[in-house]
Amino acid sequence: MHWLQRQWLRLTPWHVVLLPLGILFAFVATSRRTFYRLGLLRAVRLPVPVIVVGNINAGGTGKTPLVLWLAGFLRQRGYHPGIISRGYGGRADGPVPVGGGSDPAEVGDEPLLLAKKSACPVWVGRDRAAVALALLQAHPECDVVVSDDGLQHYRLGRDVEIVVVDGERRFGNALPQPAGPLRESVARLHTVDAVVVNGGSLRPEFSLRNEFEMHLQGGMFYNLRNPELHAVAADFLGKKLHAVAGIGNPQRFFTHLRGLGLAFDEHAFPDHYAYRPQDLDYDDGGMLLMTEKDAVKCTGFADGRYWFLAVEAVVAPAFGQMIVQKLRNIDGPQTA
């Protein structure tokens, strides 16, 4: 997978083989979306509004921090959101509820993080429409469903579509999978309700009326073995440090740590990597700094050397205003 992702950043001789496959992938993806738009394939409509937070790229772009922000934003305004996810990296076919004590190997790392931090019901499963219906049956108080990923899961009808773009990596070589990272064409950005750019801006190359900027902020570290212990970057100065990241863009995490003034050895792992104790058994006994998403998979074997950095999304105020207006325009349960 690492080899393939490297090909997505440029054009290489391998694209003689990969590009025909990419063209076929793009044709199938476009045809499927067209079939749903024409009603030849029927989507499942829920009795409450559905907000899909997805991407057109394979790999992480920052969707989960935005889903957490969105859940908190909606709760502050009197809504009762529920969250659904595929549970990528987990074994569950679903529908399965996720709690703070769930096994990440069963439900996936991102849903577990959402369950721990969102204060919302979280359910996972392969068929997002079935998962959403199961969530609503178990939690009839929910008046809006937020889907973490699922932009291309057209069987689930949606009222608001949000695409998250990595402002650093953007679209790689802009080719469809497997020749490039794209699940759908960049032109898809013109059809969604909002494009949220994590850590940058797409302008001026893209003329989008619905682009909003987002960045991640945070400077507090928490100990995995004892979460009541916390520290700031100054507490780690002069100590041997290992930075661990198994996310879509590990360099974003490493850059954040450097911005806090820290020096460390980098250890990048594949997205959704299932850590084992031996993976992080560094001989020098240095402290381990990791993302919160990685931390949920290491809690069971962590010792006092393990720390995670808590971050939160900061989004342009106009984005929240747009979400509220969209929900007010949707027929069905209304909240002031």
Protein backbone atom coordinates (compact mmCIF):
# COMPACT_ATOMS: atom_id res chain seq x y z
CA MET A 1 0.00 0.00 0.00
CA HIS A 2 2.87 2.39 0.77
CA TRP A 3 4.29 1.70 -2.70
CA LEU A 4 0.96 2.46 -4.38
CA GLN A 5 0.48 5.68 -2.42
CA ARG A 6 3.91 6.87 -3.59
CA GLN A 7 2.75 6.43 -7.19
CA TRP A 8 -0.25 8.66 -6.43
CA LEU A 9 2.00 11.67 -5.95
CA ARG A 10 3.45 11.75 -9.46
CA LEU A 11 3.44 10.10 -12.88
CA THR A 12 5.71 7.06 -13.27
CA PRO A 13 6.20 4.28 -15.81
CA TRP A 14 3.82 2.19 -13.68
CA HIS A 15 0.96 4.39 -14.87
CA VAL A 16 1.05 2.59 -18.23
CA VAL A 17 -0.55 -0.27 -16.28
CA LEU A 18 -2.39 1.73 -13.61
CA LEU A 19 -4.10 4.35 -15.75
CA PRO A 20 -6.37 1.96 -17.74
CA LEU A 21 -7.52 0.51 -14.42
CA GLY A 22 -8.11 4.03 -13.14
CA ILE A 23 -10.24 4.91 -16.17
CA LEU A 24 -12.35 1.79 -15.56
CA PHE A 25 -12.71 2.69 -11.87
CA ALA A 26 -13.80 6.23 -12.74
CA PHE A 27 -16.37 4.94 -15.24
CA VAL A 28 -17.89 2.56 -12.71
CA ALA A 29 -17.95 5.22 -9.96
CA THR A 30 -19.56 7.83 -12.22
CA SER A 31 -22.10 5.34 -13.56
CA ARG A 32 -23.13 4.27 -10.07
CA ARG A 33 -23.70 7.86 -8.95
CA THR A 34 -25.69 8.54 -12.13
CA PHE A 35 -27.90 5.49 -11.53
CA TYR A 36 -28.82 6.83 -8.08
CA ARG A 37 -29.45 10.33 -9.41
CA LEU A 38 -31.81 8.94 -12.09
CA GLY A 39 -33.59 6.68 -9.62
CA LEU A 40 -32.45 3.47 -11.32
CA LEU A 41 -30.93 2.57 -7.97
CA ARG A 42 -32.97 3.68 -4.96
CA ALA A 43 -31.46 5.37 -1.92
CA VAL A 44 -32.79 4.88 1.60
CA ARG A 45 -34.22 8.09 3.03
CA LEU A 46 -34.20 8.52 6.80
CA PRO A 47 -36.90 10.34 8.80
CA VAL A 48 -34.26 12.82 9.99
CA PRO A 49 -31.68 14.94 8.13
CA VAL A 50 -28.42 13.23 7.14
CA ILE A 51 -25.07 15.04 6.95
CA VAL A 52 -22.29 13.14 5.18
CA VAL A 53 -18.69 14.15 5.93
CA GLY A 54 -16.50 12.46 3.35
CA ASN A 55 -13.72 12.97 0.84
CA ILE A 56 -12.91 12.31 -2.79
CA ASN A 57 -9.41 11.07 -1.89
CA ALA A 58 -8.43 7.69 -0.55
CA GLY A 59 -6.79 8.06 2.84
CA GLY A 60 -7.28 10.41 5.75
CA THR A 61 -7.94 14.10 5.28
CA GLY A 62 -9.17 15.14 8.74
CA LYS A 63 -12.78 13.99 8.62
CA THR A 64 -12.95 12.71 12.19
CA PRO A 65 -11.92 16.00 13.87
CA LEU A 66 -14.53 17.76 11.75
CA VAL A 67 -17.21 15.22 12.72
CA LEU A 68 -16.37 15.84 16.38
CA TRP A 69 -16.59 19.59 15.84
CA LEU A 70 -19.89 19.19 14.00
CA ALA A 71 -21.37 16.97 16.73
CA GLY A 72 -20.46 19.51 19.39
CA PHE A 73 -21.74 22.39 17.27
CA LEU A 74 -25.11 20.70 16.74
CA ARG A 75 -25.49 19.77 20.40
CA GLN A 76 -24.82 23.36 21.42
CA ARG A 77 -27.71 24.41 19.22
CA GLY A 78 -30.19 21.98 20.69
CA TYR A 79 -29.93 19.12 18.23
CA HIS A 80 -29.43 15.48 19.25
CA PRO A 81 -27.01 14.04 16.66
CA GLY A 82 -26.14 10.41 16.15
CA ILE A 83 -22.97 9.33 14.34
CA ILE A 84 -22.52 6.42 11.96
CA SER A 85 -19.33 5.05 10.38
CA ARG A 86 -18.11 2.11 8.34
CA GLY A 87 -15.68 1.26 11.15
CA TYR A 88 -12.72 0.90 8.82
CA GLY A 89 -10.03 -1.33 10.31
CA GLY A 90 -12.54 -3.16 12.50
CA ARG A 91 -14.09 -6.60 12.04
CA ALA A 92 -17.73 -5.68 12.68
CA ASP A 93 -20.14 -5.94 9.74
CA GLY A 94 -22.77 -4.25 11.90
CA PRO A 95 -24.98 -2.66 12.78
CA VAL A 96 -23.06 -2.45 16.06
CA PRO A 97 -23.12 0.24 18.76
CA VAL A 98 -19.79 1.69 19.88
CA GLY A 99 -19.02 2.60 23.48
CA GLY A 100 -15.99 4.00 25.23
CA GLY A 101 -14.92 0.49 26.18
CA SER A 102 -15.35 -1.10 22.75
CA ASP A 103 -12.50 -3.04 21.15
CA PRO A 104 -10.90 -0.99 18.33
CA ALA A 105 -10.11 -4.25 16.53
CA GLU A 106 -13.87 -4.85 16.39
CA VAL A 107 -15.31 -1.40 15.68
CA GLY A 108 -12.35 0.58 14.27
CA ASP A 109 -10.16 3.29 15.77
CA GLU A 110 -12.03 6.36 14.52
CA PRO A 111 -15.50 5.27 15.73
CA LEU A 112 -14.02 4.46 19.15
CA LEU A 113 -12.49 7.93 19.31
CA LEU A 114 -15.84 9.43 18.29
CA ALA A 115 -17.63 7.46 21.00
CA LYS A 116 -15.16 8.62 23.64
CA LYS A 117 -15.28 12.31 22.72
CA SER A 118 -18.56 13.20 21.02
CA ALA A 119 -21.12 12.47 23.79
CA CYS A 120 -23.32 11.11 20.96
CA PRO A 121 -24.55 7.61 20.07
CA VAL A 122 -22.11 6.02 17.61
CA TRP A 123 -22.90 2.97 15.47
CA VAL A 124 -20.82 1.18 12.82
CA GLY A 125 -21.37 -1.26 9.99
CA ARG A 126 -20.81 -1.97 6.32
CA ASP A 127 -24.29 -0.87 5.17
CA ARG A 128 -24.57 2.71 6.42
CA ALA A 129 -28.29 2.93 5.67
CA ALA A 130 -28.97 -0.12 7.84
CA VAL A 131 -26.64 1.23 10.52
CA ALA A 132 -28.44 4.58 10.58
CA LEU A 133 -31.85 2.92 10.87
CA ALA A 134 -30.59 0.75 13.74
CA LEU A 135 -29.18 3.82 15.51
CA LEU A 136 -32.49 5.68 15.19
CA GLN A 137 -34.42 2.69 16.49
CA ALA A 138 -32.15 2.47 19.53
CA HIS A 139 -32.01 6.26 20.00
CA PRO A 140 -35.31 7.81 18.86
CA GLU A 141 -34.23 11.12 20.39
CA CYS A 142 -31.68 11.62 17.58
CA ASP A 143 -32.93 14.26 15.15
CA VAL A 144 -29.93 14.38 12.80
CA VAL A 145 -27.47 11.72 11.62
CA VAL A 146 -23.84 12.53 10.83
CA SER A 147 -21.98 10.02 8.67
CA ASP A 148 -18.21 9.84 9.17
CA ASP A 149 -17.13 9.07 5.60
CA GLY A 150 -19.61 7.56 3.14
CA LEU A 151 -19.68 10.21 0.42
CA GLN A 152 -19.64 7.43 -2.20
CA HIS A 153 -22.14 5.24 -0.27
CA TYR A 154 -25.10 6.49 -2.29
CA ARG A 155 -27.51 3.93 -0.86
CA LEU A 156 -27.78 6.26 2.13
CA GLY A 157 -29.78 9.31 1.12
CA ARG A 158 -28.29 12.56 2.34
CA ASP A 159 -29.36 16.16 2.81
CA VAL A 160 -25.96 17.81 3.26
CA GLU A 161 -22.66 16.72 1.69
CA ILE A 162 -19.33 17.96 3.07
CA VAL A 163 -15.98 17.10 1.50
CA VAL A 164 -12.79 17.43 3.56
CA VAL A 165 -9.57 18.07 1.63
CA ASP A 166 -6.01 17.88 2.97
CA GLY A 167 -4.69 21.35 2.24
CA GLU A 168 -1.11 20.06 2.00
CA ARG A 169 -1.44 16.96 -0.16
CA ARG A 170 -4.60 18.01 -1.98
CA PHE A 171 -5.28 15.55 -4.84
CA GLY A 172 -1.87 14.06 -5.57
CA ASN A 173 -1.56 13.42 -9.31
CA ALA A 174 -5.36 13.96 -9.66
CA LEU A 175 -5.89 10.54 -11.26
CA PRO A 176 -8.57 7.98 -10.30
CA GLN A 177 -7.69 4.91 -8.25
CA PRO A 178 -5.49 2.90 -8.53
CA ALA A 179 -3.51 5.25 -10.79
CA GLY A 180 -4.07 8.06 -8.30
CA PRO A 181 -5.81 8.76 -5.00
CA LEU A 182 -9.19 9.92 -6.32
CA ARG A 183 -12.41 8.06 -5.57
CA GLU A 184 -14.29 10.64 -7.63
CA SER A 185 -13.32 13.44 -9.98
CA VAL A 186 -12.26 16.82 -8.61
CA ALA A 187 -15.33 18.16 -10.43
CA ARG A 188 -17.39 16.52 -7.68
CA LEU A 189 -16.38 19.41 -5.41
CA HIS A 190 -18.73 21.68 -7.36
CA THR A 191 -21.76 19.52 -6.48
CA VAL A 192 -21.40 19.29 -2.69
CA ASP A 193 -22.66 21.73 -0.07
CA ALA A 194 -19.27 22.52 1.45
CA VAL A 195 -15.57 21.88 0.87
CA VAL A 196 -13.58 22.10 4.11
CA VAL A 197 -9.83 22.45 3.58
CA ASN A 198 -7.75 21.12 6.44
CA GLY A 199 -4.62 23.24 6.85
CA GLY A 200 -4.67 25.45 3.80
CA SER A 201 -6.76 26.70 0.92
CA LEU A 202 -7.55 25.47 -2.59
CA ARG A 203 -7.74 28.98 -3.98
CA PRO A 204 -6.88 30.39 -6.49
CA GLU A 205 -6.60 27.21 -8.59
CA PHE A 206 -10.18 26.16 -7.82
CA SER A 207 -13.12 28.51 -8.10
CA LEU A 208 -15.39 27.19 -5.36
CA ARG A 209 -18.26 29.17 -3.87
CA ASN A 210 -18.48 26.85 -0.87
CA GLU A 211 -14.90 26.54 0.45
CA PHE A 212 -14.17 26.87 4.17
CA GLU A 213 -10.84 26.68 5.99
CA MET A 214 -10.12 24.44 8.96
CA HIS A 215 -7.05 23.81 11.11
CA LEU A 216 -6.24 21.61 14.08
CA GLN A 217 -5.05 23.11 17.32
CA GLY A 218 -3.84 21.59 20.57
CA GLY A 219 -0.88 21.65 22.93
CA MET A 220 -1.91 19.44 25.85
CA PHE A 221 -0.59 15.88 26.19
CA TYR A 222 -2.28 13.15 28.25
CA ASN A 223 -0.73 9.98 29.62
CA LEU A 224 -2.27 6.77 28.30
CA ARG A 225 -1.62 4.81 31.48
CA ASN A 226 -3.01 7.55 33.70
CA PRO A 227 -5.15 10.05 31.73
CA GLU A 228 -5.33 12.32 34.78
CA LEU A 229 -1.66 13.14 34.14
CA HIS A 230 -1.17 15.87 31.59
CA ALA A 231 1.80 17.81 30.26
CA VAL A 232 2.72 20.58 27.84
CA ALA A 233 5.54 20.58 25.31
CA ALA A 234 7.93 22.33 27.70
CA ASP A 235 7.75 19.29 29.98
CA PHE A 236 9.36 17.14 27.26
CA LEU A 237 12.21 19.46 26.30
CA GLY A 238 15.63 17.82 26.59
CA LYS A 239 14.16 14.30 26.75
CA LYS A 240 14.45 11.48 24.23
CA LEU A 241 11.21 11.41 22.24
CA HIS A 242 9.63 9.16 19.64
CA ALA A 243 6.70 10.55 17.62
CA VAL A 244 4.31 7.86 16.36
CA ALA A 245 1.58 8.44 13.77
CA GLY A 246 -0.60 5.93 11.95
CA ILE A 247 -2.90 8.43 10.22
CA GLY A 248 -3.59 9.50 6.65
CA ASN A 249 -0.92 12.21 6.70
CA PRO A 250 1.64 11.48 9.45
CA GLN A 251 3.73 14.51 8.49
CA ARG A 252 0.93 16.79 9.63
CA PHE A 253 1.31 15.42 13.17
CA PHE A 254 5.11 15.68 13.06
CA THR A 255 4.90 19.26 11.83
CA HIS A 256 2.49 20.10 14.66
CA LEU A 257 4.96 18.73 17.22
CA ARG A 258 7.84 20.70 15.72
CA GLY A 259 5.68 23.79 15.93
CA LEU A 260 5.51 23.14 19.68
CA GLY A 261 9.33 23.22 19.79
CA LEU A 262 9.91 19.47 20.15
CA ALA A 263 12.70 17.35 18.64
CA PHE A 264 12.05 13.63 18.13
CA ASP A 265 12.53 10.52 16.02
CA GLU A 266 9.72 10.04 13.48
CA HIS A 267 7.84 6.74 13.20
CA ALA A 268 5.15 6.76 10.48
CA PHE A 269 2.80 3.78 10.25
CA PRO A 270 0.00 3.00 7.76
CA ASP A 271 -3.39 4.56 8.43
CA HIS A 272 -5.49 2.47 10.87
CA TYR A 273 -2.45 0.39 11.80
CA ALA A 274 -3.10 -2.21 14.51
CA TYR A 275 -0.21 -1.63 16.92
CA ARG A 276 1.55 -4.39 18.84
CA PRO A 277 3.80 -3.76 21.84
CA GLN A 278 6.89 -4.83 19.88
CA ASP A 279 6.16 -2.16 17.23
CA LEU A 280 6.87 0.56 19.78
CA ASP A 281 9.56 -1.12 21.87
CA TYR A 282 12.40 1.33 21.25
CA ASP A 283 15.68 0.41 22.93
CA ASP A 284 16.54 3.87 24.27
CA GLY A 285 13.52 3.99 26.58
CA GLY A 286 12.39 7.36 25.22
CA MET A 287 8.90 8.73 25.64
CA LEU A 288 6.30 8.08 22.94
CA LEU A 289 4.13 10.91 21.62
CA MET A 290 1.19 9.89 19.45
CA THR A 291 -2.12 11.04 18.05
CA GLU A 292 -5.32 10.43 19.96
CA LYS A 293 -6.50 8.14 17.17
CA ASP A 294 -3.40 5.97 17.64
CA ALA A 295 -3.74 6.08 21.41
CA VAL A 296 -7.09 4.25 21.50
CA LYS A 297 -5.33 1.20 20.02
CA CYS A 298 -2.43 1.26 22.47
CA THR A 299 -4.25 1.74 25.78
CA GLY A 300 -4.25 -1.97 26.58
CA PHE A 301 -0.46 -2.30 26.67
CA ALA A 302 0.75 1.27 27.27
CA ASP A 303 3.08 2.11 30.13
CA GLY A 304 4.03 5.46 31.61
CA ARG A 305 6.10 6.45 28.55
CA TYR A 306 3.03 6.77 26.30
CA TRP A 307 1.45 10.19 25.76
CA PHE A 308 -1.11 11.45 23.24
CA LEU A 309 -1.70 14.96 21.96
CA ALA A 310 -5.31 16.14 22.13
CA VAL A 311 -6.34 18.34 19.19
CA GLU A 312 -9.57 19.92 18.06
CA ALA A 313 -10.78 21.39 14.81
CA VAL A 314 -11.16 25.12 14.37
CA VAL A 315 -13.51 25.95 11.51
CA ALA A 316 -14.52 29.22 9.87
CA PRO A 317 -17.71 30.57 11.57
CA ALA A 318 -19.46 30.82 8.20
CA PHE A 319 -19.35 27.03 7.96
CA GLY A 320 -21.50 26.60 11.07
CA GLN A 321 -23.92 29.22 9.82
CA MET A 322 -24.25 27.32 6.55
CA ILE A 323 -25.01 24.05 8.36
CA VAL A 324 -27.73 25.65 10.50
CA GLN A 325 -29.34 27.24 7.44
CA LYS A 326 -29.30 23.95 5.55
CA LEU A 327 -31.01 22.14 8.42
CA ARG A 328 -33.64 24.85 8.78
CA ASN A 329 -34.48 24.44 5.10
CA ILE A 330 -35.02 20.70 5.40
CA ASP A 331 -38.58 19.49 5.93
CA GLY A 332 -38.95 17.38 9.05
CA PRO A 333 -37.96 17.78 12.70
CA GLN A 334 -36.87 21.36 13.30
CA THR A 335 -34.78 22.70 16.14
CA ALA A 336 -34.36 26.34 17.04
